[in-house]
């Protein structure tokens, strides 16, 4: 469970870094920044969905107290 969350978070950070790189260094005016944004949004939605699914399955619980 924790491994999946860590992998998703690292993939989101990698997509963020690649988007920043393309924004700073891309002279062609291509759509690579937009593609990196799409990937980052999809990975974030997947992470949120996985957290909700894990909560309802009882794999994770809120730490109240």
N, C-alpha and C. Protein backbone atom coordinates (compact mmCIF):
# COMPACT_ATOMS: atom_id res chain seq x y z
N UNK A 1 0.83 -1.19 0.00
CA UNK A 1 0.00 0.00 0.00
C UNK A 1 0.87 1.25 0.00
N UNK A 2 1.82 1.30 0.94
CA UNK A 2 2.68 2.48 1.03
C UNK A 2 3.56 2.61 -0.20
N UNK A 3 3.98 1.48 -0.74
CA UNK A 3 4.84 1.50 -1.92
C UNK A 3 4.12 2.11 -3.12
N UNK A 4 2.85 1.76 -3.29
CA UNK A 4 2.06 2.31 -4.40
C UNK A 4 1.92 3.82 -4.24
N UNK A 5 1.64 4.27 -3.02
CA UNK A 5 1.50 5.70 -2.78
C UNK A 5 2.81 6.44 -3.04
N UNK A 6 3.91 5.87 -2.61
CA UNK A 6 5.21 6.51 -2.83
C UNK A 6 5.54 6.57 -4.31
N UNK A 7 5.26 5.50 -5.03
CA UNK A 7 5.53 5.48 -6.47
C UNK A 7 4.69 6.53 -7.19
N UNK A 8 3.42 6.64 -6.82
CA UNK A 8 2.55 7.65 -7.44
C UNK A 8 3.03 9.06 -7.13
N UNK A 9 3.43 9.31 -5.89
CA UNK A 9 3.93 10.64 -5.53
C UNK A 9 5.21 10.97 -6.28
N UNK A 10 6.11 10.00 -6.41
CA UNK A 10 7.35 10.23 -7.15
C UNK A 10 7.07 10.48 -8.64
N UNK A 11 6.10 9.77 -9.19
CA UNK A 11 5.73 9.99 -10.60
C UNK A 11 5.14 11.38 -10.79
N UNK A 12 4.36 11.86 -9.83
CA UNK A 12 3.79 13.21 -9.91
C UNK A 12 4.91 14.24 -9.86
N UNK A 13 5.86 14.06 -8.97
CA UNK A 13 6.98 15.01 -8.87
C UNK A 13 7.83 14.97 -10.14
N UNK A 14 8.04 13.79 -10.70
CA UNK A 14 8.81 13.67 -11.94
C UNK A 14 8.09 14.38 -13.09
N UNK A 15 6.79 14.25 -13.15
CA UNK A 15 6.02 14.93 -14.19
C UNK A 15 6.08 16.44 -14.00
N UNK A 16 6.05 16.88 -12.77
CA UNK A 16 6.18 18.31 -12.47
C UNK A 16 7.55 18.83 -12.91
N UNK A 17 8.59 18.07 -12.62
CA UNK A 17 9.94 18.48 -13.00
C UNK A 17 10.11 18.50 -14.52
N UNK A 18 9.55 17.51 -15.20
CA UNK A 18 9.68 17.49 -16.66
C UNK A 18 8.90 18.65 -17.28
N UNK A 19 7.75 18.98 -16.72
CA UNK A 19 7.00 20.13 -17.22
C UNK A 19 7.76 21.43 -17.04
N UNK A 20 8.42 21.57 -15.89
CA UNK A 20 9.24 22.75 -15.66
C UNK A 20 10.41 22.80 -16.64
N UNK A 21 11.02 21.66 -16.88
CA UNK A 21 12.14 21.60 -17.82
C UNK A 21 11.69 22.00 -19.23
N UNK A 22 10.56 21.44 -19.66
CA UNK A 22 10.05 21.77 -20.99
C UNK A 22 9.66 23.24 -21.09
N UNK A 23 9.11 23.79 -20.02
CA UNK A 23 8.72 25.20 -20.01
C UNK A 23 9.94 26.11 -20.12
N UNK A 24 11.02 25.72 -19.46
CA UNK A 24 12.21 26.57 -19.44
C UNK A 24 13.08 26.39 -20.68
N UNK A 25 13.16 25.19 -21.22
CA UNK A 25 14.15 24.90 -22.27
C UNK A 25 13.57 24.60 -23.64
N UNK A 26 12.25 24.46 -23.76
CA UNK A 26 11.66 24.08 -25.04
C UNK A 26 11.53 25.31 -25.94
N UNK A 27 12.31 25.35 -27.01
CA UNK A 27 12.28 26.48 -27.93
C UNK A 27 11.37 26.23 -29.13
N UNK A 28 10.84 25.02 -29.27
CA UNK A 28 10.06 24.68 -30.44
C UNK A 28 8.60 25.12 -30.33
N UNK A 29 8.16 25.47 -29.14
CA UNK A 29 6.76 25.86 -28.96
C UNK A 29 5.82 24.68 -29.07
N UNK A 30 6.31 23.50 -28.70
CA UNK A 30 5.50 22.29 -28.81
C UNK A 30 4.50 22.16 -27.67
N UNK A 31 3.89 21.02 -27.63
CA UNK A 31 2.86 20.77 -26.62
C UNK A 31 3.36 19.86 -25.50
N UNK A 32 4.66 19.81 -25.31
CA UNK A 32 5.19 18.91 -24.28
C UNK A 32 4.84 19.37 -22.87
N UNK A 33 4.73 20.68 -22.66
CA UNK A 33 4.34 21.18 -21.34
C UNK A 33 2.90 20.77 -21.05
N UNK A 34 2.03 20.88 -22.03
CA UNK A 34 0.64 20.49 -21.87
C UNK A 34 0.52 18.98 -21.61
N UNK A 35 1.32 18.20 -22.29
CA UNK A 35 1.31 16.75 -22.08
C UNK A 35 1.77 16.41 -20.67
N UNK A 36 2.80 17.09 -20.18
CA UNK A 36 3.27 16.85 -18.82
C UNK A 36 2.19 17.23 -17.81
N UNK A 37 1.45 18.30 -18.09
CA UNK A 37 0.35 18.70 -17.21
C UNK A 37 -0.75 17.65 -17.21
N UNK A 38 -1.09 17.13 -18.38
CA UNK A 38 -2.13 16.10 -18.47
C UNK A 38 -1.74 14.86 -17.68
N UNK A 39 -0.49 14.46 -17.81
CA UNK A 39 -0.01 13.29 -17.08
C UNK A 39 -0.06 13.54 -15.58
N UNK A 40 0.35 14.73 -15.15
CA UNK A 40 0.35 15.06 -13.73
C UNK A 40 -1.07 15.06 -13.16
N UNK A 41 -2.02 15.61 -13.90
CA UNK A 41 -3.41 15.63 -13.45
C UNK A 41 -3.97 14.21 -13.38
N UNK A 42 -3.66 13.39 -14.37
CA UNK A 42 -4.14 12.01 -14.36
C UNK A 42 -3.55 11.22 -13.19
N UNK A 43 -2.26 11.41 -12.93
CA UNK A 43 -1.63 10.72 -11.80
C UNK A 43 -2.20 11.19 -10.47
N UNK A 44 -2.48 12.47 -10.36
CA UNK A 44 -3.07 13.00 -9.13
C UNK A 44 -4.48 12.44 -8.92
N UNK A 45 -5.26 12.36 -9.98
CA UNK A 45 -6.60 11.78 -9.88
C UNK A 45 -6.51 10.30 -9.49
N UNK A 46 -5.54 9.60 -10.06
CA UNK A 46 -5.34 8.19 -9.71
C UNK A 46 -4.95 8.05 -8.24
N UNK A 47 -4.10 8.93 -7.75
CA UNK A 47 -3.70 8.90 -6.35
C UNK A 47 -4.89 9.14 -5.43
N UNK A 48 -5.71 10.14 -5.74
CA UNK A 48 -6.89 10.42 -4.93
C UNK A 48 -7.86 9.25 -4.97
N UNK A 49 -8.07 8.70 -6.15
CA UNK A 49 -8.94 7.54 -6.27
C UNK A 49 -8.43 6.34 -5.48
N UNK A 50 -7.13 6.13 -5.51
CA UNK A 50 -6.54 5.02 -4.76
C UNK A 50 -6.67 5.25 -3.26
N UNK A 51 -6.51 6.50 -2.80
CA UNK A 51 -6.67 6.80 -1.38
C UNK A 51 -8.12 6.57 -0.93
N UNK A 52 -9.09 6.98 -1.75
CA UNK A 52 -10.49 6.76 -1.41
C UNK A 52 -10.82 5.28 -1.40
N UNK A 53 -10.32 4.54 -2.39
CA UNK A 53 -10.55 3.10 -2.46
C UNK A 53 -9.92 2.39 -1.26
N UNK A 54 -8.71 2.79 -0.90
CA UNK A 54 -8.04 2.19 0.26
C UNK A 54 -8.76 2.49 1.56
N UNK A 55 -9.34 3.67 1.67
CA UNK A 55 -10.11 4.01 2.86
C UNK A 55 -11.35 3.13 2.98
N UNK A 56 -12.08 2.98 1.88
CA UNK A 56 -13.30 2.18 1.93
C UNK A 56 -13.02 0.69 2.09
N UNK A 57 -11.85 0.24 1.67
CA UNK A 57 -11.48 -1.16 1.86
C UNK A 57 -10.93 -1.42 3.26
N UNK A 58 -10.63 -0.35 3.99
CA UNK A 58 -10.10 -0.50 5.34
C UNK A 58 -8.59 -0.63 5.39
N UNK A 59 -7.91 -0.39 4.27
CA UNK A 59 -6.45 -0.49 4.24
C UNK A 59 -5.80 0.69 4.94
N UNK A 60 -6.45 1.85 4.89
CA UNK A 60 -5.94 3.04 5.56
C UNK A 60 -7.06 3.63 6.40
N UNK A 61 -6.67 4.34 7.44
CA UNK A 61 -7.66 4.98 8.31
C UNK A 61 -7.13 6.34 8.73
N UNK A 62 -8.03 7.26 9.02
CA UNK A 62 -7.57 8.58 9.45
C UNK A 62 -6.93 8.49 10.83
N UNK A 63 -5.96 9.33 11.05
CA UNK A 63 -5.24 9.35 12.32
C UNK A 63 -5.79 10.49 13.16
N UNK A 64 -6.87 10.24 13.85
CA UNK A 64 -7.54 11.27 14.65
C UNK A 64 -7.10 11.13 16.09
N UNK A 65 -6.71 12.23 16.66
CA UNK A 65 -6.45 12.16 18.08
C UNK A 65 -5.19 12.73 18.49
